[in-house]
Amino acid sequence: MNTVISDWFTVAVMQENELLGEVLWGIVVDDSTFRFAKNDYVCSSKITKVFTSNQLIQTASDSIYQTIGKGRKAIIDSDDFELLRSGFSPLQIKLLNRELSVLH
């Protein structure tokens, strides 16, 4: 097994009305590859396959993620993708965008 995550999202990355792809974002519970520390976040490469029966998700980089619990779906704009990659959760990005829209 590679990386086990909880509090996870499948995140659709959109550019205007076009889906660029979906990635996985979550909190690391365990990582046998030693790439990620426990309780750190992970943002995957593009999701290529979802195995719903055993909650496994495979990505374009051939990483396998075991998801724990019920995941959530989120949508972000491609302009916000670097925030996601930098550790902001989809919920934090949504709140940040809401705050920025109030300021303008």
PDB file of N, CA and C in Angstrom:
ATOM      1  N   MET A   1       0.849  -1.183   0.000  1.00  0.00           N
ATOM      2  CA  MET A   1       0.000   0.000   0.000  1.00  0.00           C
ATOM      3  C   MET A   1       0.888   1.236   0.000  1.00  0.00           C
ATOM      4  N   ASN A   2       0.456   2.260  -0.628  1.00  0.00           N
ATOM      5  CA  ASN A   2       1.238   3.490  -0.693  1.00  0.00           C
ATOM      6  C   ASN A   2       0.861   4.466   0.414  1.00  0.00           C
ATOM      7  N   THR A   3      -0.120   5.312   0.171  1.00  0.00           N
ATOM      8  CA  THR A   3      -0.450   6.392   1.102  1.00  0.00           C
ATOM      9  C   THR A   3      -1.909   6.283   1.539  1.00  0.00           C
ATOM     10  N   VAL A   4      -2.133   6.367   2.846  1.00  0.00           N
ATOM     11  CA  VAL A   4      -3.477   6.317   3.420  1.00  0.00           C
ATOM     12  C   VAL A   4      -3.853   7.739   3.822  1.00  0.00           C
ATOM     13  N   ILE A   5      -5.040   8.190   3.389  1.00  0.00           N
ATOM     14  CA  ILE A   5      -5.471   9.554   3.709  1.00  0.00           C
ATOM     15  C   ILE A   5      -6.900   9.581   4.251  1.00  0.00           C
ATOM     16  N   SER A   6      -7.166  10.612   5.045  1.00  0.00           N
ATOM     17  CA  SER A   6      -8.516  10.866   5.563  1.00  0.00           C
ATOM     18  C   SER A   6      -8.886  12.306   5.225  1.00  0.00           C
ATOM     19  N   ASP A   7     -10.090  12.698   5.600  1.00  0.00           N
ATOM     20  CA  ASP A   7     -10.559  14.073   5.338  1.00  0.00           C
ATOM     21  C   ASP A   7     -10.271  14.475   3.895  1.00  0.00           C
ATOM     22  N   TRP A   8     -10.672  13.612   2.981  1.00  0.00           N
ATOM     23  CA  TRP A   8     -10.249  13.749   1.588  1.00  0.00           C
ATOM     24  C   TRP A   8     -11.341  14.308   0.679  1.00  0.00           C
ATOM     25  N   PHE A   9     -10.853  14.873  -0.424  1.00  0.00           N
ATOM     26  CA  PHE A   9     -11.707  15.453  -1.461  1.00  0.00           C
ATOM     27  C   PHE A   9     -11.238  14.957  -2.822  1.00  0.00           C
ATOM     28  N   THR A  10     -12.177  14.720  -3.731  1.00  0.00           N
ATOM     29  CA  THR A  10     -11.827  14.697  -5.145  1.00  0.00           C
ATOM     30  C   THR A  10     -12.138  16.104  -5.638  1.00  0.00           C
ATOM     31  N   VAL A  11     -11.139  16.715  -6.254  1.00  0.00           N
ATOM     32  CA  VAL A  11     -11.241  18.126  -6.616  1.00  0.00           C
ATOM     33  C   VAL A  11     -11.222  18.267  -8.132  1.00  0.00           C
ATOM     34  N   ALA A  12     -12.308  18.767  -8.684  1.00  0.00           N
ATOM     35  CA  ALA A  12     -12.387  19.051 -10.116  1.00  0.00           C
ATOM     36  C   ALA A  12     -11.726  20.401 -10.362  1.00  0.00           C
ATOM     37  N   VAL A  13     -10.749  20.405 -11.267  1.00  0.00           N
ATOM     38  CA  VAL A  13     -10.048  21.640 -11.615  1.00  0.00           C
ATOM     39  C   VAL A  13     -10.626  22.137 -12.937  1.00  0.00           C
ATOM     40  N   MET A  14     -11.208  23.335 -12.894  1.00  0.00           N
ATOM     41  CA  MET A  14     -11.919  23.883 -14.044  1.00  0.00           C
ATOM     42  C   MET A  14     -11.199  25.100 -14.611  1.00  0.00           C
ATOM     43  N   GLN A  15     -11.285  25.237 -15.922  1.00  0.00           N
ATOM     44  CA  GLN A  15     -10.839  26.464 -16.581  1.00  0.00           C
ATOM     45  C   GLN A  15     -12.013  26.946 -17.410  1.00  0.00           C
ATOM     46  N   GLU A  16     -12.596  28.058 -16.980  1.00  0.00           N
ATOM     47  CA  GLU A  16     -13.871  28.535 -17.508  1.00  0.00           C
ATOM     48  C   GLU A  16     -14.890  27.418 -17.298  1.00  0.00           C
ATOM     49  N   ASN A  17     -15.480  26.860 -18.330  1.00  0.00           N
ATOM     50  CA  ASN A  17     -16.449  25.776 -18.146  1.00  0.00           C
ATOM     51  C   ASN A  17     -15.892  24.417 -18.532  1.00  0.00           C
ATOM     52  N   GLU A  18     -14.581  24.315 -18.679  1.00  0.00           N
ATOM     53  CA  GLU A  18     -13.957  23.069 -19.121  1.00  0.00           C
ATOM     54  C   GLU A  18     -13.258  22.374 -17.957  1.00  0.00           C
ATOM     55  N   LEU A  19     -13.539  21.074 -17.798  1.00  0.00           N
ATOM     56  CA  LEU A  19     -12.877  20.267 -16.778  1.00  0.00           C
ATOM     57  C   LEU A  19     -11.479  19.907 -17.260  1.00  0.00           C
ATOM     58  N   LEU A  20     -10.466  20.340 -16.513  1.00  0.00           N
ATOM     59  CA  LEU A  20      -9.088  19.994 -16.858  1.00  0.00           C
ATOM     60  C   LEU A  20      -8.702  18.634 -16.296  1.00  0.00           C
ATOM     61  N   GLY A  21      -9.329  18.247 -15.205  1.00  0.00           N
ATOM     62  CA  GLY A  21      -9.051  16.963 -14.570  1.00  0.00           C
ATOM     63  C   GLY A  21      -9.443  17.010 -13.111  1.00  0.00           C
ATOM     64  N   GLU A  22      -9.331  15.857 -12.463  1.00  0.00           N
ATOM     65  CA  GLU A  22      -9.630  15.762 -11.039  1.00  0.00           C
ATOM     66  C   GLU A  22      -8.391  15.277 -10.304  1.00  0.00           C
ATOM     67  N   VAL A  23      -8.158  15.845  -9.126  1.00  0.00           N
ATOM     68  CA  VAL A  23      -7.056  15.432  -8.269  1.00  0.00           C
ATOM     69  C   VAL A  23      -7.618  15.035  -6.911  1.00  0.00           C
ATOM     70  N   LEU A  24      -6.786  14.383  -6.132  1.00  0.00           N
ATOM     71  CA  LEU A  24      -7.148  13.974  -4.781  1.00  0.00           C
ATOM     72  C   LEU A  24      -6.417  14.869  -3.792  1.00  0.00           C
ATOM     73  N   TRP A  25      -7.128  15.351  -2.788  1.00  0.00           N
ATOM     74  CA  TRP A  25      -6.524  16.161  -1.727  1.00  0.00           C
ATOM     75  C   TRP A  25      -6.980  15.580  -0.401  1.00  0.00           C
ATOM     76  N   GLY A  26      -6.058  15.387   0.544  1.00  0.00           N
ATOM     77  CA  GLY A  26      -6.436  14.859   1.849  1.00  0.00           C
ATOM     78  C   GLY A  26      -5.315  14.960   2.860  1.00  0.00           C
ATOM     79  N   ILE A  27      -5.587  14.454   4.057  1.00  0.00           N
ATOM     80  CA  ILE A  27      -4.644  14.480   5.173  1.00  0.00           C
ATOM     81  C   ILE A  27      -4.046  13.081   5.348  1.00  0.00           C
ATOM     82  N   VAL A  28      -2.728  13.026   5.456  1.00  0.00           N
ATOM     83  CA  VAL A  28      -2.001  11.754   5.520  1.00  0.00           C
ATOM     84  C   VAL A  28      -2.186  11.095   6.884  1.00  0.00           C
ATOM     85  N   VAL A  29      -2.599   9.827   6.853  1.00  0.00           N
ATOM     86  CA  VAL A  29      -2.702   8.997   8.047  1.00  0.00           C
ATOM     87  C   VAL A  29      -1.454   8.127   8.160  1.00  0.00           C
ATOM     88  N   ASP A  30      -1.028   7.565   7.023  1.00  0.00           N
ATOM     89  CA  ASP A  30       0.157   6.703   6.979  1.00  0.00           C
ATOM     90  C   ASP A  30       0.702   6.719   5.558  1.00  0.00           C
ATOM     91  N   ASP A  31       2.013   6.621   5.440  1.00  0.00           N
ATOM     92  CA  ASP A  31       2.630   6.606   4.117  1.00  0.00           C
ATOM     93  C   ASP A  31       3.815   5.656   4.103  1.00  0.00           C
ATOM     94  N   SER A  32       3.633   4.502   3.477  1.00  0.00           N
ATOM     95  CA  SER A  32       4.701   3.502   3.418  1.00  0.00           C
ATOM     96  C   SER A  32       5.813   3.892   2.452  1.00  0.00           C
ATOM     97  N   THR A  33       5.594   4.911   1.626  1.00  0.00           N
ATOM     98  CA  THR A  33       6.632   5.363   0.689  1.00  0.00           C
ATOM     99  C   THR A  33       7.547   6.412   1.328  1.00  0.00           C
ATOM    100  N   PHE A  34       7.172   6.906   2.491  1.00  0.00           N
ATOM    101  CA  PHE A  34       7.933   7.932   3.222  1.00  0.00           C
ATOM    102  C   PHE A  34       8.045   9.253   2.464  1.00  0.00           C
ATOM    103  N   ARG A  35       7.113   9.507   1.545  1.00  0.00           N
ATOM    104  CA  ARG A  35       7.092  10.798   0.842  1.00  0.00           C
ATOM    105  C   ARG A  35       6.396  11.868   1.659  1.00  0.00           C
ATOM    106  N   PHE A  36       5.450  11.442   2.498  1.00  0.00           N
ATOM    107  CA  PHE A  36       4.621  12.391   3.241  1.00  0.00           C
ATOM    108  C   PHE A  36       4.661  12.086   4.732  1.00  0.00           C
ATOM    109  N   ALA A  37       4.625  13.135   5.541  1.00  0.00           N
ATOM    110  CA  ALA A  37       4.590  12.980   6.992  1.00  0.00           C
ATOM    111  C   ALA A  37       3.145  12.813   7.460  1.00  0.00           C
ATOM    112  N   LYS A  38       2.970  12.089   8.559  1.00  0.00           N
ATOM    113  CA  LYS A  38       1.650  11.922   9.150  1.00  0.00           C
ATOM    114  C   LYS A  38       1.074  13.298   9.486  1.00  0.00           C
ATOM    115  N   ASN A  39      -0.204  13.488   9.205  1.00  0.00           N
ATOM    116  CA  ASN A  39      -0.958  14.729   9.436  1.00  0.00           C
ATOM    117  C   ASN A  39      -0.608  15.856   8.477  1.00  0.00           C
ATOM    118  N   ASP A  40       0.246  15.582   7.491  1.00  0.00           N
ATOM    119  CA  ASP A  40       0.513  16.563   6.448  1.00  0.00           C
ATOM    120  C   ASP A  40      -0.574  16.414   5.383  1.00  0.00           C
ATOM    121  N   TYR A  41      -0.636  17.338   4.451  1.00  0.00           N
ATOM    122  CA  TYR A  41      -1.604  17.234   3.363  1.00  0.00           C
ATOM    123  C   TYR A  41      -0.939  16.560   2.166  1.00  0.00           C
ATOM    124  N   VAL A  42      -1.761  16.039   1.278  1.00  0.00           N
ATOM    125  CA  VAL A  42      -1.275  15.549  -0.005  1.00  0.00           C
ATOM    126  C   VAL A  42      -2.229  16.044  -1.086  1.00  0.00           C
ATOM    127  N   CYS A  43      -1.660  16.485  -2.181  1.00  0.00           N
ATOM    128  CA  CYS A  43      -2.425  16.846  -3.372  1.00  0.00           C
ATOM    129  C   CYS A  43      -1.834  16.024  -4.504  1.00  0.00           C
ATOM    130  N   SER A  44      -2.623  15.147  -5.062  1.00  0.00           N
ATOM    131  CA  SER A  44      -2.122  14.175  -6.033  1.00  0.00           C
ATOM    132  C   SER A  44      -2.008  14.760  -7.436  1.00  0.00           C
ATOM    133  N   SER A  45      -1.432  13.952  -8.300  1.00  0.00           N
ATOM    134  CA  SER A  45      -1.528  14.229  -9.732  1.00  0.00           C
ATOM    135  C   SER A  45      -2.943  13.844 -10.176  1.00  0.00           C
ATOM    136  N   LYS A  46      -3.218  13.957 -11.436  1.00  0.00           N
ATOM    137  CA  LYS A  46      -4.560  13.701 -11.979  1.00  0.00           C
ATOM    138  C   LYS A  46      -5.030  12.281 -11.654  1.00  0.00           C
ATOM    139  N   ILE A  47      -6.271  12.166 -11.203  1.00  0.00           N
ATOM    140  CA  ILE A  47      -6.875  10.860 -10.917  1.00  0.00           C
ATOM    141  C   ILE A  47      -7.124  10.133 -12.234  1.00  0.00           C
ATOM    142  N   THR A  48      -6.679   8.874 -12.288  1.00  0.00           N
ATOM    143  CA  THR A  48      -6.897   8.075 -13.492  1.00  0.00           C
ATOM    144  C   THR A  48      -7.886   6.936 -13.272  1.00  0.00           C
ATOM    145  N   LYS A  49      -7.995   6.456 -12.027  1.00  0.00           N
ATOM    146  CA  LYS A  49      -8.888   5.335 -11.760  1.00  0.00           C
ATOM    147  C   LYS A  49      -9.349   5.387 -10.306  1.00  0.00           C
ATOM    148  N   VAL A  50     -10.622   5.072 -10.103  1.00  0.00           N
ATOM    149  CA  VAL A  50     -11.189   5.011  -8.757  1.00  0.00           C
ATOM    150  C   VAL A  50     -11.754   3.617  -8.553  1.00  0.00           C
ATOM    151  N   PHE A  51     -11.311   2.959  -7.488  1.00  0.00           N
ATOM    152  CA  PHE A  51     -11.799   1.631  -7.130  1.00  0.00           C
ATOM    153  C   PHE A  51     -12.703   1.803  -5.912  1.00  0.00           C
ATOM    154  N   THR A  52     -13.992   1.973  -6.151  1.00  0.00           N
ATOM    155  CA  THR A  52     -14.919   2.304  -5.069  1.00  0.00           C
ATOM    156  C   THR A  52     -15.083   1.169  -4.066  1.00  0.00           C
ATOM    157  N   SER A  53     -14.941  -0.081  -4.503  1.00  0.00           N
ATOM    158  CA  SER A  53     -15.175  -1.206  -3.599  1.00  0.00           C
ATOM    159  C   SER A  53     -14.183  -1.247  -2.442  1.00  0.00           C
ATOM    160  N   ASN A  54     -12.942  -0.821  -2.678  1.00  0.00           N
ATOM    161  CA  ASN A  54     -11.955  -0.831  -1.594  1.00  0.00           C
ATOM    162  C   ASN A  54     -11.353   0.549  -1.328  1.00  0.00           C
ATOM    163  N   GLN A  55     -12.015   1.586  -1.820  1.00  0.00           N
ATOM    164  CA  GLN A  55     -11.641   2.983  -1.583  1.00  0.00           C
ATOM    165  C   GLN A  55     -10.195   3.287  -1.964  1.00  0.00           C
ATOM    166  N   LEU A  56      -9.788   2.797  -3.126  1.00  0.00           N
ATOM    167  CA  LEU A  56      -8.459   3.090  -3.655  1.00  0.00           C
ATOM    168  C   LEU A  56      -8.576   4.060  -4.820  1.00  0.00           C
ATOM    169  N   ILE A  57      -7.621   4.959  -4.913  1.00  0.00           N
ATOM    170  CA  ILE A  57      -7.573   5.914  -6.017  1.00  0.00           C
ATOM    171  C   ILE A  57      -6.181   5.878  -6.619  1.00  0.00           C
ATOM    172  N   GLN A  58      -6.133   5.703  -7.934  1.00  0.00           N
ATOM    173  CA  GLN A  58      -4.864   5.677  -8.666  1.00  0.00           C
ATOM    174  C   GLN A  58      -4.717   6.985  -9.432  1.00  0.00           C
ATOM    175  N   THR A  59      -3.472   7.458  -9.541  1.00  0.00           N
ATOM    176  CA  THR A  59      -3.228   8.738 -10.206  1.00  0.00           C
ATOM    177  C   THR A  59      -2.311   8.575 -11.412  1.00  0.00           C
ATOM    178  N   ALA A  60      -2.154   9.653 -12.160  1.00  0.00           N
ATOM    179  CA  ALA A  60      -1.339   9.648 -13.377  1.00  0.00           C
ATOM    180  C   ALA A  60       0.114   9.289 -13.099  1.00  0.00           C
ATOM    181  N   SER A  61       0.588   9.549 -11.887  1.00  0.00           N
ATOM    182  CA  SER A  61       1.973   9.199 -11.539  1.00  0.00           C
ATOM    183  C   SER A  61       2.076   7.768 -11.019  1.00  0.00           C
ATOM    184  N   ASP A  62       0.990   7.001 -11.156  1.00  0.00           N
ATOM    185  CA  ASP A  62       0.891   5.612 -10.692  1.00  0.00           C
ATOM    186  C   ASP A  62       0.936   5.463  -9.179  1.00  0.00           C
ATOM    187  N   SER A  63       0.648   6.523  -8.463  1.00  0.00           N
ATOM    188  CA  SER A  63       0.516   6.426  -7.010  1.00  0.00           C
ATOM    189  C   SER A  63      -0.848   5.838  -6.689  1.00  0.00           C
ATOM    190  N   ILE A  64      -0.904   5.090  -5.595  1.00  0.00           N
ATOM    191  CA  ILE A  64      -2.154   4.516  -5.113  1.00  0.00           C
ATOM    192  C   ILE A  64      -2.431   5.112  -3.738  1.00  0.00           C
ATOM    193  N   TYR A  65      -3.644   5.618  -3.565  1.00  0.00           N
ATOM    194  CA  TYR A  65      -4.057   6.198  -2.292  1.00  0.00           C
ATOM    195  C   TYR A  65      -5.223   5.398  -1.743  1.00  0.00           C
ATOM    196  N   GLN A  66      -5.120   5.011  -0.469  1.00  0.00           N
ATOM    197  CA  GLN A  66      -6.220   4.369   0.249  1.00  0.00           C
ATOM    198  C   GLN A  66      -6.955   5.467   0.991  1.00  0.00           C
ATOM    199  N   THR A  67      -8.230   5.637   0.708  1.00  0.00           N
ATOM    200  CA  THR A  67      -9.005   6.688   1.361  1.00  0.00           C
ATOM    201  C   THR A  67      -9.803   6.104   2.519  1.00  0.00           C
ATOM    202  N   ILE A  68      -9.853   6.842   3.609  1.00  0.00           N
ATOM    203  CA  ILE A  68     -10.590   6.425   4.801  1.00  0.00           C
ATOM    204  C   ILE A  68     -11.788   7.352   4.964  1.00  0.00           C
ATOM    205  N   GLY A  69     -12.936   6.747   5.209  1.00  0.00           N
ATOM    206  CA  GLY A  69     -14.139   7.544   5.425  1.00  0.00           C
ATOM    207  C   GLY A  69     -14.754   8.012   4.119  1.00  0.00           C
ATOM    208  N   LYS A  70     -15.772   8.818   4.285  1.00  0.00           N
ATOM    209  CA  LYS A  70     -16.499   9.324   3.120  1.00  0.00           C
ATOM    210  C   LYS A  70     -15.834  10.605   2.634  1.00  0.00           C
ATOM    211  N   GLY A  71     -15.454  10.611   1.386  1.00  0.00           N
ATOM    212  CA  GLY A  71     -14.839  11.798   0.802  1.00  0.00           C
ATOM    213  C   GLY A  71     -15.875  12.804   0.348  1.00  0.00           C
ATOM    214  N   ARG A  72     -15.394  13.973   0.009  1.00  0.00           N
ATOM    215  CA  ARG A  72     -16.262  15.033  -0.500  1.00  0.00           C
ATOM    216  C   ARG A  72     -15.781  15.458  -1.879  1.00  0.00           C
ATOM    217  N   LYS A  73     -16.662  16.075  -2.622  1.00  0.00           N
ATOM    218  CA  LYS A  73     -16.319  16.605  -3.940  1.00  0.00           C
ATOM    219  C   LYS A  73     -16.193  18.116  -3.842  1.00  0.00           C
ATOM    220  N   ALA A  74     -15.240  18.648  -4.594  1.00  0.00           N
ATOM    221  CA  ALA A  74     -15.049  20.095  -4.625  1.00  0.00           C
ATOM    222  C   ALA A  74     -14.698  20.503  -6.046  1.00  0.00           C
ATOM    223  N   ILE A  75     -14.936  21.760  -6.339  1.00  0.00           N
ATOM    224  CA  ILE A  75     -14.587  22.334  -7.644  1.00  0.00           C
ATOM    225  C   ILE A  75     -13.771  23.588  -7.379  1.00  0.00           C
ATOM    226  N   ILE A  76     -12.629  23.696  -8.069  1.00  0.00           N
ATOM    227  CA  ILE A  76     -11.840  24.923  -7.973  1.00  0.00           C
ATOM    228  C   ILE A  76     -11.508  25.400  -9.380  1.00  0.00           C
ATOM    229  N   ASP A  77     -11.219  26.672  -9.477  1.00  0.00           N
ATOM    230  CA  ASP A  77     -10.766  27.248 -10.734  1.00  0.00           C
ATOM    231  C   ASP A  77      -9.282  26.944 -10.907  1.00  0.00           C
ATOM    232  N   SER A  78      -8.847  26.809 -12.136  1.00  0.00           N
ATOM    233  CA  SER A  78      -7.436  26.514 -12.400  1.00  0.00           C
ATOM    234  C   SER A  78      -6.518  27.586 -11.812  1.00  0.00           C
ATOM    235  N   ASP A  79      -7.010  28.817 -11.688  1.00  0.00           N
ATOM    236  CA  ASP A  79      -6.216  29.891 -11.080  1.00  0.00           C
ATOM    237  C   ASP A  79      -5.890  29.606  -9.613  1.00  0.00           C
ATOM    238  N   ASP A  80      -6.692  28.774  -8.962  1.00  0.00           N
ATOM    239  CA  ASP A  80      -6.494  28.452  -7.545  1.00  0.00           C
ATOM    240  C   ASP A  80      -5.740  27.144  -7.326  1.00  0.00           C
ATOM    241  N   PHE A  81      -5.326  26.499  -8.406  1.00  0.00           N
ATOM    242  CA  PHE A  81      -4.696  25.186  -8.276  1.00  0.00           C
ATOM    243  C   PHE A  81      -3.406  25.241  -7.459  1.00  0.00           C
ATOM    244  N   GLU A  82      -2.616  26.294  -7.621  1.00  0.00           N
ATOM    245  CA  GLU A  82      -1.364  26.394  -6.859  1.00  0.00           C
ATOM    246  C   GLU A  82      -1.631  26.524  -5.361  1.00  0.00           C
ATOM    247  N   LEU A  83      -2.751  27.144  -4.985  1.00  0.00           N
ATOM    248  CA  LEU A  83      -3.124  27.185  -3.570  1.00  0.00           C
ATOM    249  C   LEU A  83      -3.373  25.775  -3.050  1.00  0.00           C
ATOM    250  N   LEU A  84      -4.075  24.973  -3.839  1.00  0.00           N
ATOM    251  CA  LEU A  84      -4.346  23.587  -3.470  1.00  0.00           C
ATOM    252  C   LEU A  84      -3.039  22.818  -3.319  1.00  0.00           C
ATOM    253  N   ARG A  85      -2.143  22.963  -4.291  1.00  0.00           N
ATOM    254  CA  ARG A  85      -0.847  22.276  -4.261  1.00  0.00           C
ATOM    255  C   ARG A  85       0.010  22.740  -3.088  1.00  0.00           C
ATOM    256  N   SER A  86      -0.233  23.960  -2.611  1.00  0.00           N
ATOM    257  CA  SER A  86       0.556  24.516  -1.503  1.00  0.00           C
ATOM    258  C   SER A  86      -0.005  24.154  -0.133  1.00  0.00           C
ATOM    259  N   GLY A  87      -1.128  23.433  -0.108  1.00  0.00           N
ATOM    260  CA  GLY A  87      -1.657  22.955   1.161  1.00  0.00           C
ATOM    261  C   GLY A  87      -2.985  23.524   1.591  1.00  0.00           C
ATOM    262  N   PHE A  88      -3.485  24.532   0.896  1.00  0.00           N
ATOM    263  CA  PHE A  88      -4.812  25.041   1.220  1.00  0.00           C
ATOM    264  C   PHE A  88      -5.842  23.974   0.862  1.00  0.00           C
ATOM    265  N   SER A  89      -6.781  23.713   1.757  1.00  0.00           N
ATOM    266  CA  SER A  89      -7.837  22.745   1.467  1.00  0.00           C
ATOM    267  C   SER A  89      -8.847  23.377   0.512  1.00  0.00           C
ATOM    268  N   PRO A  90      -9.655  22.562  -0.154  1.00  0.00           N
ATOM    269  CA  PRO A  90     -10.712  23.128  -1.002  1.00  0.00           C
ATOM    270  C   PRO A  90     -11.645  24.066  -0.229  1.00  0.00           C
ATOM    271  N   LEU A  91     -11.926  23.743   1.032  1.00  0.00           N
ATOM    272  CA  LEU A  91     -12.790  24.617   1.836  1.00  0.00           C
ATOM    273  C   LEU A  91     -12.108  25.946   2.133  1.00  0.00           C
ATOM    274  N   GLN A  92     -10.813  25.918   2.418  1.00  0.00           N
ATOM    275  CA  GLN A  92     -10.079  27.161   2.669  1.00  0.00           C
ATOM    276  C   GLN A  92     -10.047  28.036   1.417  1.00  0.00           C
ATOM    277  N   ILE A  93      -9.880  27.411   0.264  1.00  0.00           N
ATOM    278  CA  ILE A  93      -9.863  28.158  -0.999  1.00  0.00           C
ATOM    279  C   ILE A  93     -11.217  28.814  -1.243  1.00  0.00           C
ATOM    280  N   LYS A  94     -12.285  28.077  -0.973  1.00  0.00           N
ATOM    281  CA  LYS A  94     -13.631  28.629  -1.139  1.00  0.00           C
ATOM    282  C   LYS A  94     -13.835  29.843  -0.229  1.00  0.00           C
ATOM    283  N   LEU A  95     -13.420  29.724   1.031  1.00  0.00           N
ATOM    284  CA  LEU A  95     -13.555  30.843   1.969  1.00  0.00           C
ATOM    285  C   LEU A  95     -12.694  32.026   1.560  1.00  0.00           C
ATOM    286  N   LEU A  96     -11.491  31.760   1.110  1.00  0.00           N
ATOM    287  CA  LEU A  96     -10.596  32.821   0.661  1.00  0.00           C
ATOM    288  C   LEU A  96     -11.201  33.580  -0.518  1.00  0.00           C
ATOM    289  N   ASN A  97     -11.741  32.836  -1.476  1.00  0.00           N
ATOM    290  CA  ASN A  97     -12.373  33.477  -2.637  1.00  0.00           C
ATOM    291  C   ASN A  97     -13.597  34.289  -2.232  1.00  0.00           C
ATOM    292  N   ARG A  98     -14.341  33.789  -1.263  1.00  0.00           N
ATOM    293  CA  ARG A  98     -15.514  34.517  -0.775  1.00  0.00           C
ATOM    294  C   ARG A  98     -15.078  35.838  -0.128  1.00  0.00           C
ATOM    295  N   GLU A  99     -14.021  35.786   0.675  1.00  0.00           N
ATOM    296  CA  GLU A  99     -13.508  36.996   1.325  1.00  0.00           C
ATOM    297  C   GLU A  99     -12.990  37.994   0.295  1.00  0.00           C
ATOM    298  N   LEU A 100     -12.283  37.499  -0.724  1.00  0.00           N
ATOM    299  CA  LEU A 100     -11.752  38.387  -1.754  1.00  0.00           C
ATOM    300  C   LEU A 100     -12.867  39.056  -2.549  1.00  0.00           C
ATOM    301  N   SER A 101     -13.958  38.321  -2.793  1.00  0.00           N
ATOM    302  CA  SER A 101     -15.066  38.909  -3.556  1.00  0.00           C
ATOM    303  C   SER A 101     -15.778  39.994  -2.751  1.00  0.00           C
ATOM    304  N   VAL A 102     -15.771  39.875  -1.439  1.00  0.00           N
ATOM    305  CA  VAL A 102     -16.375  40.896  -0.582  1.00  0.00           C
ATOM    306  C   VAL A 102     -15.548  42.181  -0.635  1.00  0.00           C
ATOM    307  N   LEU A 103     -14.238  42.033  -0.758  1.00  0.00           N
ATOM    308  CA  LEU A 103     -13.354  43.200  -0.797  1.00  0.00           C
ATOM    309  C   LEU A 103     -13.455  43.968  -2.109  1.00  0.00           C
ATOM    310  N   HIS A 104     -13.900  43.305  -3.155  1.00  0.00           N
ATOM    311  CA  HIS A 104     -13.966  43.969  -4.472  1.00  0.00           C
ATOM    312  C   HIS A 104     -15.336  44.460  -4.756  1.00  0.00           C
TER     313      HIS A 104
END
